[in-house]
Amino acid sequence: MATSYIIVDEPLTHFYSDTTTEIAEPIMGVKPKDINNVAYTLYNKPYDKYQSLGGCTFLFPRSIPFKPGMVIDFNADNNSTGITANSFTNQRTLPSNYNNADVRIFMTIPSMEKLDNGLIECYGSVTDNANNTVYVMKSLFFTIQTP
């Protein structure tokens, strides 16, 4: 049976920290305790709340029919630097006890620092080996900007 590729229309959703309630802005700083972080200088986010929100989360669309054993691939590349080292990769397999919970990838502050300043392209796929189907995500873009 040939592999089917399905382009997922619903985009990844991008959040501050490990939440799924604080939607990330298009430009993100890396150090949340720095008062010059763009969260405070550009977006007027409340320092008391955002100083403890480090890293970011990417929520995969719920329109994908997730099942145990599916392989989640997520990548982020700095398109501004063009340096291969300025990248982030995460792969995981949904466990056998997966129970329709949200599928998300968390990117730590050190990973964001490794990406460096610039335009970040995030993309990924979900592979269902049992059905020879690959769900391909459209790219999500955001910018990392440090003071």
N, C-alpha and C. Protein backbone atom coordinates (compact mmCIF):
# COMPACT_ATOMS: atom_id res chain seq x y z
N MET A 1 0.85 -1.17 0.00
CA MET A 1 0.00 0.00 0.00
C MET A 1 0.90 1.24 0.00
N ALA A 2 0.61 2.17 -0.89
CA ALA A 2 1.39 3.40 -0.99
C ALA A 2 1.07 4.32 0.18
N THR A 3 2.06 5.10 0.57
CA THR A 3 1.86 6.06 1.65
C THR A 3 1.04 7.24 1.16
N SER A 4 0.05 7.63 1.96
CA SER A 4 -0.77 8.82 1.66
C SER A 4 -0.22 9.99 2.45
N TYR A 5 -0.14 11.14 1.79
CA TYR A 5 0.31 12.38 2.45
C TYR A 5 -0.86 13.33 2.49
N ILE A 6 -1.17 13.82 3.68
CA ILE A 6 -2.29 14.73 3.87
C ILE A 6 -1.75 16.04 4.43
N ILE A 7 -1.99 17.13 3.71
CA ILE A 7 -1.61 18.46 4.20
C ILE A 7 -2.68 18.90 5.18
N VAL A 8 -2.28 19.22 6.40
CA VAL A 8 -3.21 19.62 7.45
C VAL A 8 -3.48 21.12 7.32
N ASP A 9 -4.74 21.48 7.12
CA ASP A 9 -5.10 22.90 6.95
C ASP A 9 -5.00 23.69 8.25
N GLU A 10 -5.34 23.06 9.35
CA GLU A 10 -5.31 23.73 10.65
C GLU A 10 -3.85 23.88 11.08
N PRO A 11 -3.42 25.09 11.45
CA PRO A 11 -2.01 25.30 11.80
C PRO A 11 -1.67 24.84 13.22
N LEU A 12 -0.37 24.71 13.47
CA LEU A 12 0.11 24.56 14.84
C LEU A 12 -0.30 25.81 15.60
N THR A 13 -0.54 25.68 16.89
CA THR A 13 -0.82 26.85 17.72
C THR A 13 0.37 27.03 18.64
N HIS A 14 0.79 28.26 18.82
CA HIS A 14 2.03 28.60 19.52
C HIS A 14 1.70 29.35 20.82
N PHE A 15 2.25 28.86 21.94
CA PHE A 15 1.95 29.43 23.25
C PHE A 15 3.22 29.80 24.00
N TYR A 16 3.08 30.71 24.95
CA TYR A 16 4.15 31.00 25.88
C TYR A 16 4.29 29.84 26.85
N SER A 17 5.50 29.48 27.18
CA SER A 17 5.82 28.50 28.21
C SER A 17 5.16 27.16 27.93
N ASP A 18 4.77 26.46 29.00
CA ASP A 18 4.15 25.16 28.82
C ASP A 18 2.63 25.24 28.94
N THR A 19 2.10 26.45 28.76
CA THR A 19 0.65 26.64 28.84
C THR A 19 -0.01 26.36 27.50
N THR A 20 -1.31 26.24 27.50
CA THR A 20 -2.09 26.28 26.26
C THR A 20 -3.17 27.35 26.43
N THR A 21 -2.85 28.34 27.25
CA THR A 21 -3.79 29.45 27.47
C THR A 21 -3.18 30.79 27.05
N GLU A 22 -1.87 30.91 27.10
CA GLU A 22 -1.20 32.19 26.78
C GLU A 22 -0.64 32.12 25.36
N ILE A 23 -1.44 32.54 24.39
CA ILE A 23 -1.01 32.47 22.99
C ILE A 23 0.20 33.37 22.79
N ALA A 24 1.23 32.82 22.12
CA ALA A 24 2.47 33.57 21.90
C ALA A 24 2.27 34.65 20.85
N GLU A 25 3.04 35.70 21.00
CA GLU A 25 3.05 36.79 20.03
C GLU A 25 3.99 36.42 18.88
N PRO A 26 3.90 37.15 17.75
CA PRO A 26 4.76 36.85 16.60
C PRO A 26 6.26 37.07 16.86
N ILE A 27 6.59 37.93 17.83
CA ILE A 27 7.98 38.15 18.22
C ILE A 27 8.11 37.73 19.67
N MET A 28 9.10 36.88 19.95
CA MET A 28 9.29 36.38 21.32
C MET A 28 10.70 36.68 21.79
N GLY A 29 10.80 37.03 23.07
CA GLY A 29 12.09 37.13 23.72
C GLY A 29 12.42 35.79 24.34
N VAL A 30 13.69 35.65 24.76
CA VAL A 30 14.12 34.37 25.32
C VAL A 30 14.17 34.40 26.84
N LYS A 31 14.59 35.50 27.41
CA LYS A 31 14.77 35.59 28.86
C LYS A 31 13.58 36.31 29.50
N PRO A 32 12.65 35.56 30.11
CA PRO A 32 11.44 36.18 30.64
C PRO A 32 11.68 37.09 31.85
N LYS A 33 12.80 36.95 32.54
CA LYS A 33 13.08 37.81 33.70
C LYS A 33 13.76 39.13 33.30
N ASP A 34 14.12 39.27 32.03
CA ASP A 34 14.74 40.50 31.53
C ASP A 34 13.64 41.53 31.24
N ILE A 35 13.67 42.66 31.93
CA ILE A 35 12.62 43.68 31.75
C ILE A 35 12.63 44.29 30.34
N ASN A 36 13.71 44.05 29.59
CA ASN A 36 13.79 44.53 28.20
C ASN A 36 13.26 43.50 27.20
N ASN A 37 12.72 42.39 27.69
CA ASN A 37 12.12 41.36 26.85
C ASN A 37 10.98 41.99 26.04
N VAL A 38 10.84 41.58 24.77
CA VAL A 38 9.79 42.16 23.93
C VAL A 38 8.38 41.93 24.47
N ALA A 39 8.21 40.93 25.31
CA ALA A 39 6.89 40.72 25.92
C ALA A 39 6.45 41.97 26.68
N TYR A 40 7.42 42.65 27.28
CA TYR A 40 7.11 43.85 28.09
C TYR A 40 7.25 45.13 27.28
N THR A 41 8.29 45.22 26.45
CA THR A 41 8.55 46.46 25.73
C THR A 41 7.67 46.64 24.50
N LEU A 42 7.32 45.54 23.84
CA LEU A 42 6.53 45.62 22.61
C LEU A 42 5.06 45.30 22.83
N TYR A 43 4.79 44.32 23.71
CA TYR A 43 3.42 43.84 23.87
C TYR A 43 2.78 44.20 25.21
N ASN A 44 3.51 44.89 26.08
CA ASN A 44 2.99 45.31 27.38
C ASN A 44 2.41 44.18 28.22
N LYS A 45 3.03 43.01 28.15
CA LYS A 45 2.61 41.89 28.98
C LYS A 45 2.96 42.21 30.44
N PRO A 46 2.17 41.71 31.39
CA PRO A 46 2.46 41.98 32.80
C PRO A 46 3.69 41.19 33.28
N TYR A 47 4.70 41.90 33.73
CA TYR A 47 5.94 41.28 34.17
C TYR A 47 5.71 40.24 35.26
N ASP A 48 4.84 40.57 36.23
CA ASP A 48 4.60 39.64 37.34
C ASP A 48 4.14 38.27 36.85
N LYS A 49 3.36 38.25 35.79
CA LYS A 49 2.84 36.98 35.27
C LYS A 49 3.82 36.31 34.31
N TYR A 50 4.43 37.09 33.40
CA TYR A 50 5.23 36.51 32.32
C TYR A 50 6.68 36.21 32.69
N GLN A 51 7.16 36.74 33.81
CA GLN A 51 8.55 36.49 34.19
C GLN A 51 8.82 35.01 34.46
N SER A 52 7.80 34.25 34.75
CA SER A 52 7.99 32.82 35.04
C SER A 52 7.59 31.93 33.86
N LEU A 53 7.24 32.53 32.73
CA LEU A 53 6.84 31.76 31.56
C LEU A 53 8.01 31.63 30.58
N GLY A 54 8.79 30.58 30.72
CA GLY A 54 9.96 30.39 29.87
C GLY A 54 9.73 29.33 28.81
N GLY A 55 10.37 29.50 27.67
CA GLY A 55 10.23 28.56 26.57
C GLY A 55 8.90 28.76 25.87
N CYS A 56 8.51 27.79 25.05
CA CYS A 56 7.22 27.89 24.35
C CYS A 56 6.72 26.51 23.98
N THR A 57 5.42 26.43 23.74
CA THR A 57 4.73 25.18 23.41
C THR A 57 4.07 25.31 22.05
N PHE A 58 4.08 24.20 21.32
CA PHE A 58 3.41 24.11 20.02
C PHE A 58 2.38 23.00 20.12
N LEU A 59 1.13 23.37 19.92
CA LEU A 59 0.01 22.43 20.01
C LEU A 59 -0.35 21.97 18.60
N PHE A 60 -0.36 20.65 18.41
CA PHE A 60 -0.73 20.10 17.10
C PHE A 60 -2.25 20.15 16.94
N PRO A 61 -2.72 20.31 15.71
CA PRO A 61 -4.16 20.42 15.48
C PRO A 61 -4.94 19.18 15.94
N ARG A 62 -6.08 19.43 16.50
CA ARG A 62 -6.95 18.35 16.98
C ARG A 62 -7.67 17.65 15.82
N SER A 63 -7.57 18.23 14.63
CA SER A 63 -8.21 17.60 13.47
C SER A 63 -7.46 16.34 13.02
N ILE A 64 -6.24 16.15 13.49
CA ILE A 64 -5.49 14.93 13.17
C ILE A 64 -6.04 13.81 14.05
N PRO A 65 -6.37 12.66 13.47
CA PRO A 65 -6.92 11.56 14.28
C PRO A 65 -5.80 10.79 15.02
N PHE A 66 -5.30 11.38 16.09
CA PHE A 66 -4.19 10.80 16.84
C PHE A 66 -4.56 9.45 17.45
N LYS A 67 -3.60 8.52 17.38
CA LYS A 67 -3.76 7.18 17.95
C LYS A 67 -2.43 6.74 18.54
N PRO A 68 -2.45 5.81 19.48
CA PRO A 68 -1.20 5.27 20.01
C PRO A 68 -0.30 4.77 18.88
N GLY A 69 1.00 4.98 19.05
CA GLY A 69 1.98 4.51 18.07
C GLY A 69 2.32 5.51 16.97
N MET A 70 1.53 6.57 16.84
CA MET A 70 1.85 7.57 15.81
C MET A 70 3.14 8.29 16.20
N VAL A 71 3.92 8.65 15.18
CA VAL A 71 5.21 9.31 15.39
C VAL A 71 5.05 10.80 15.09
N ILE A 72 5.41 11.62 16.08
CA ILE A 72 5.32 13.08 15.98
C ILE A 72 6.72 13.62 15.68
N ASP A 73 6.86 14.36 14.61
CA ASP A 73 8.12 15.02 14.26
C ASP A 73 7.89 16.51 14.25
N PHE A 74 8.78 17.25 14.92
CA PHE A 74 8.69 18.70 14.97
C PHE A 74 10.09 19.28 14.77
N ASN A 75 10.17 20.30 13.92
CA ASN A 75 11.45 20.95 13.64
C ASN A 75 11.27 22.45 13.65
N ALA A 76 12.33 23.15 14.05
CA ALA A 76 12.36 24.61 13.97
C ALA A 76 13.74 25.00 13.47
N ASP A 77 13.77 25.89 12.50
CA ASP A 77 15.03 26.36 11.92
C ASP A 77 15.05 27.88 11.89
N ASN A 78 16.23 28.44 12.10
CA ASN A 78 16.40 29.89 11.99
C ASN A 78 16.67 30.20 10.52
N ASN A 79 15.67 30.78 9.85
CA ASN A 79 15.81 31.12 8.44
C ASN A 79 16.67 32.36 8.22
N SER A 80 16.89 33.16 9.26
CA SER A 80 17.68 34.37 9.12
C SER A 80 19.17 34.08 9.11
N THR A 81 19.61 33.17 9.96
CA THR A 81 21.05 32.89 10.03
C THR A 81 21.48 31.89 8.96
N GLY A 82 20.61 30.97 8.60
CA GLY A 82 20.98 29.95 7.64
C GLY A 82 22.01 28.97 8.18
N ILE A 83 22.23 29.00 9.49
CA ILE A 83 23.21 28.12 10.12
C ILE A 83 22.49 26.87 10.62
N THR A 84 22.95 25.70 10.17
CA THR A 84 22.27 24.46 10.54
C THR A 84 22.23 24.23 12.04
N ALA A 85 23.22 24.73 12.76
CA ALA A 85 23.25 24.55 14.22
C ALA A 85 22.12 25.31 14.91
N ASN A 86 21.57 26.34 14.26
CA ASN A 86 20.47 27.11 14.82
C ASN A 86 19.15 26.40 14.49
N SER A 87 18.99 25.21 15.08
CA SER A 87 17.79 24.41 14.81
C SER A 87 17.36 23.66 16.07
N PHE A 88 16.16 23.16 16.01
CA PHE A 88 15.57 22.39 17.11
C PHE A 88 14.80 21.24 16.48
N THR A 89 14.98 20.05 17.01
CA THR A 89 14.27 18.87 16.51
C THR A 89 13.72 18.09 17.69
N ASN A 90 12.49 17.62 17.55
CA ASN A 90 11.88 16.79 18.58
C ASN A 90 11.07 15.71 17.89
N GLN A 91 11.32 14.47 18.27
CA GLN A 91 10.52 13.36 17.74
C GLN A 91 10.07 12.50 18.91
N ARG A 92 8.82 12.08 18.85
CA ARG A 92 8.32 11.17 19.88
C ARG A 92 7.21 10.31 19.29
N THR A 93 6.99 9.20 19.96
CA THR A 93 5.92 8.28 19.56
C THR A 93 4.85 8.30 20.63
N LEU A 94 3.60 8.41 20.21
CA LEU A 94 2.52 8.40 21.18
C LEU A 94 2.47 7.04 21.86
N PRO A 95 2.41 7.04 23.20
CA PRO A 95 2.47 5.77 23.94
C PRO A 95 1.21 4.93 23.74
N SER A 96 1.32 3.67 24.10
CA SER A 96 0.20 2.74 23.94
C SER A 96 -1.00 3.13 24.80
N ASN A 97 -0.76 3.91 25.86
CA ASN A 97 -1.88 4.35 26.71
C ASN A 97 -2.35 5.77 26.35
N TYR A 98 -1.98 6.27 25.17
CA TYR A 98 -2.43 7.59 24.72
C TYR A 98 -3.95 7.63 24.76
N ASN A 99 -4.49 8.76 25.28
CA ASN A 99 -5.94 8.82 25.52
C ASN A 99 -6.59 10.10 24.99
N ASN A 100 -6.22 10.50 23.79
CA ASN A 100 -6.81 11.68 23.15
C ASN A 100 -6.48 12.99 23.84
N ALA A 101 -5.39 13.03 24.59
CA ALA A 101 -4.93 14.29 25.18
C ALA A 101 -4.33 15.15 24.08
N ASP A 102 -4.16 16.44 24.37
CA ASP A 102 -3.52 17.34 23.41
C ASP A 102 -2.12 16.83 23.08
N VAL A 103 -1.75 16.94 21.82
CA VAL A 103 -0.39 16.58 21.40
C VAL A 103 0.37 17.89 21.24
N ARG A 104 1.44 18.01 22.02
CA ARG A 104 2.20 19.25 22.01
C ARG A 104 3.68 18.98 22.14
N ILE A 105 4.45 19.94 21.69
CA ILE A 105 5.91 19.91 21.80
C ILE A 105 6.32 21.14 22.60
N PHE A 106 7.20 20.93 23.56
CA PHE A 106 7.70 22.04 24.37
C PHE A 106 9.14 22.36 23.96
N MET A 107 9.42 23.63 23.74
CA MET A 107 10.76 24.10 23.42
C MET A 107 11.28 24.89 24.61
N THR A 108 12.39 24.46 25.18
CA THR A 108 12.96 25.09 26.37
C THR A 108 13.67 26.40 26.02
N ILE A 109 14.00 27.17 27.05
CA ILE A 109 14.77 28.40 26.85
C ILE A 109 16.12 28.10 26.21
N PRO A 110 16.89 27.10 26.69
CA PRO A 110 18.16 26.80 26.01
C PRO A 110 17.99 26.46 24.52
N SER A 111 16.90 25.79 24.17
CA SER A 111 16.64 25.49 22.76
C SER A 111 16.34 26.76 21.97
N MET A 112 15.59 27.69 22.58
CA MET A 112 15.31 28.96 21.92
C MET A 112 16.60 29.77 21.76
N GLU A 113 17.46 29.73 22.78
CA GLU A 113 18.75 30.43 22.69
C GLU A 113 19.60 29.83 21.58
N LYS A 114 19.55 28.52 21.41
CA LYS A 114 20.30 27.86 20.35
C LYS A 114 19.78 28.29 18.97
N LEU A 115 18.48 28.50 18.85
CA LEU A 115 17.92 28.97 17.59
C LEU A 115 18.47 30.35 17.24
N ASP A 116 18.68 31.18 18.25
CA ASP A 116 19.26 32.53 18.09
C ASP A 116 18.23 33.51 17.53
N ASN A 117 18.63 34.76 17.45
CA ASN A 117 17.76 35.82 16.93
C ASN A 117 17.46 35.58 15.45
N GLY A 118 16.22 35.87 15.06
CA GLY A 118 15.86 35.78 13.66
C GLY A 118 14.49 35.17 13.45
N LEU A 119 14.17 34.97 12.18
CA LEU A 119 12.89 34.39 11.79
C LEU A 119 12.96 32.88 11.91
N ILE A 120 12.09 32.32 12.72
CA ILE A 120 12.08 30.89 13.00
C ILE A 120 10.93 30.24 12.24
N GLU A 121 11.26 29.19 11.50
CA GLU A 121 10.24 28.42 10.80
C GLU A 121 10.03 27.11 11.54
N CYS A 122 8.79 26.83 11.93
CA CYS A 122 8.43 25.61 12.64
C CYS A 122 7.56 24.76 11.71
N TYR A 123 7.88 23.48 11.63
CA TYR A 123 7.14 22.59 10.76
C TYR A 123 7.23 21.17 11.32
N GLY A 124 6.40 20.30 10.83
CA GLY A 124 6.44 18.95 11.34
C GLY A 124 5.48 18.04 10.61
N SER A 125 5.41 16.83 11.13
CA SER A 125 4.50 15.84 10.55
C SER A 125 4.09 14.84 11.63
N VAL A 126 3.04 14.12 11.32
CA VAL A 126 2.56 13.05 12.18
C VAL A 126 2.42 11.82 11.29
N THR A 127 3.12 10.75 11.65
CA THR A 127 3.12 9.55 10.83
C THR A 127 2.31 8.45 11.49
N ASP A 128 1.34 7.96 10.73
CA ASP A 128 0.51 6.83 11.17
C ASP A 128 0.97 5.61 10.36
N ASN A 129 1.95 4.88 10.91
CA ASN A 129 2.51 3.72 10.20
C ASN A 129 1.48 2.62 9.99
N ALA A 130 0.53 2.50 10.90
CA ALA A 130 -0.48 1.45 10.78
C ALA A 130 -1.35 1.63 9.54
N ASN A 131 -1.53 2.90 9.13
CA ASN A 131 -2.38 3.19 7.97
C ASN A 131 -1.61 3.79 6.81
N ASN A 132 -0.28 3.77 6.87
CA ASN A 132 0.56 4.35 5.81
C ASN A 132 0.15 5.77 5.44
N THR A 133 -0.03 6.58 6.48
CA THR A 133 -0.47 7.96 6.27
C THR A 133 0.46 8.91 7.01
N VAL A 134 0.83 9.99 6.34
CA VAL A 134 1.64 11.03 6.95
C VAL A 134 0.84 12.34 6.87
N TYR A 135 0.61 12.95 8.02
CA TYR A 135 -0.05 14.25 8.10
C TYR A 135 1.04 15.31 8.14
N VAL A 136 1.05 16.19 7.16
CA VAL A 136 2.11 17.19 7.02
C VAL A 136 1.59 18.55 7.46
N MET A 137 2.33 19.17 8.38
CA MET A 137 1.93 20.47 8.91
C MET A 137 2.43 21.60 8.01
N LYS A 138 1.62 22.64 7.88
CA LYS A 138 2.08 23.86 7.22
C LYS A 138 3.01 24.58 8.20
N SER A 139 3.93 25.35 7.67
CA SER A 139 4.90 26.05 8.51
C SER A 139 4.24 27.14 9.34
N LEU A 140 4.75 27.30 10.55
CA LEU A 140 4.39 28.41 11.44
C LEU A 140 5.67 29.22 11.60
N PHE A 141 5.57 30.53 11.54
CA PHE A 141 6.74 31.41 11.66
C PHE A 141 6.60 32.31 12.88
N PHE A 142 7.69 32.52 13.58
CA PHE A 142 7.76 33.55 14.61
C PHE A 142 9.20 34.06 14.65
N THR A 143 9.39 35.15 15.34
CA THR A 143 10.72 35.76 15.41
C THR A 143 11.22 35.72 16.84
N ILE A 144 12.49 35.39 17.00
CA ILE A 144 13.14 35.52 18.30
C ILE A 144 13.94 36.81 18.27
N GLN A 145 13.72 37.63 19.28
CA GLN A 145 14.41 38.92 19.36
C GLN A 145 14.85 39.14 20.82
N THR A 146 16.14 39.31 21.01
CA THR A 146 16.64 39.60 22.35
C THR A 146 17.11 41.05 22.40
N PRO A 147 17.09 41.62 23.61
CA PRO A 147 17.54 43.02 23.75
C PRO A 147 19.00 43.20 23.38
